[in-house]
Structures are given as structure tokens and as C-alpha cells.
Protein backbone atom coordinates (compact mmCIF):
# COMPACT_ATOMS: atom_id res chain seq x y z
CA UNK A 1 -18.00 308.88 304.47
CA UNK A 2 -20.65 306.66 306.12
CA UNK A 3 -19.48 304.05 308.63
CA UNK A 4 -20.87 300.83 307.27
CA UNK A 5 -20.09 297.20 308.20
CA UNK A 6 -18.01 296.82 305.11
CA UNK A 7 -16.02 299.99 305.90
CA UNK A 8 -15.40 298.71 309.49
CA UNK A 9 -14.19 295.37 308.10
CA UNK A 10 -11.84 297.10 305.64
CA UNK A 11 -10.39 299.37 308.37
CA UNK A 12 -9.84 296.33 310.63
CA UNK A 13 -7.99 294.50 307.90
CA UNK A 14 -6.08 297.60 306.69
CA UNK A 15 -4.50 298.54 310.05
CA UNK A 16 -2.49 295.35 310.67
CA UNK A 17 -1.44 295.31 307.07
CA UNK A 18 -0.13 298.90 307.39
CA UNK A 19 1.94 297.91 310.42
CA UNK A 20 3.43 294.93 308.52
CA UNK A 21 4.10 297.15 305.54
CA UNK A 22 6.12 299.56 307.76
CA UNK A 23 8.14 296.70 309.32
CA UNK A 24 8.83 295.19 305.89
CA UNK A 25 10.00 298.59 304.52
CA UNK A 26 12.33 299.11 307.49
CA UNK A 27 13.88 295.69 306.91
CA UNK A 28 14.17 296.30 303.15
CA UNK A 29 15.93 299.58 303.85
CA UNK A 30 18.40 297.90 306.20
CA UNK A 31 19.11 295.22 303.62
CA UNK A 32 19.68 297.92 300.99
CA UNK A 33 22.12 299.77 303.34
CA UNK A 34 24.01 296.45 304.01
CA UNK A 35 24.06 295.21 300.37
CA UNK A 36 24.41 298.38 298.30
CA UNK A 37 26.04 300.86 300.63
CA UNK A 38 28.26 298.16 302.25
CA UNK A 39 27.55 299.43 305.78
CA UNK A 40 28.42 296.91 308.43
CA UNK A 41 25.74 295.12 310.44
CA UNK A 42 25.97 295.86 314.17
CA UNK A 43 24.08 294.14 316.87
CA UNK A 44 22.86 295.93 319.97
CA UNK A 45 25.30 295.84 322.87
CA UNK A 46 24.64 293.81 325.96
CA UNK A 47 24.63 296.92 328.21
CA UNK A 48 20.88 297.70 328.03
CA UNK A 49 20.88 300.67 330.48
CA UNK A 50 23.28 302.55 328.16
CA UNK A 51 20.77 302.21 325.28
CA UNK A 52 17.99 304.10 327.08
CA UNK A 53 17.35 307.82 327.06
CA UNK A 54 19.37 308.65 323.94
CA UNK A 55 17.87 312.12 323.75
CA UNK A 56 19.91 313.00 326.84
CA UNK A 57 22.82 310.54 326.68
CA UNK A 58 24.83 309.70 329.72
CA UNK A 59 28.52 310.74 330.04
CA UNK A 60 29.48 307.13 329.31
CA UNK A 61 27.92 307.45 325.85
CA UNK A 62 29.23 310.91 324.97
CA UNK A 63 32.71 310.35 326.34
CA UNK A 64 32.42 313.59 328.18
CA UNK A 65 32.86 313.87 331.96
CA UNK A 66 31.81 317.40 333.05
């Protein structure tokens, strides 16, 4: 596909719209979980260091103390 001025303009407009679409879909899914599935809404905790590195959680998060 040739790279024309019109194509560049379309790609420039399309990218931010795609990001906004993903954000909107995430929020819609969260609303569906809250309204239809009746899952409780939980805010993030105040302890920010415990929210990092969740692939390798700390003993405080897992409850295990090896």
C-alpha cells in the first residue's frame, strides 16, 4: 500500500482513537462486572510498594514466610 499524505493523516487520526477505544472498552467491562456480575468495587490500597512486581510477589502479599 503506498504511503500517501492521506494515508499518513488517517494513521495519525486512527492511533489515538484506537487507544481511546481500548480505554473505553476496559471501563465498560468493569461496569458490566459491577452491574451484572455484582462484583464489588475495590480501590487500590495506599501501600504502593506492595503493588509492584506482582509477577514475583513479596511474602507480605502471599502470606508465606519461607
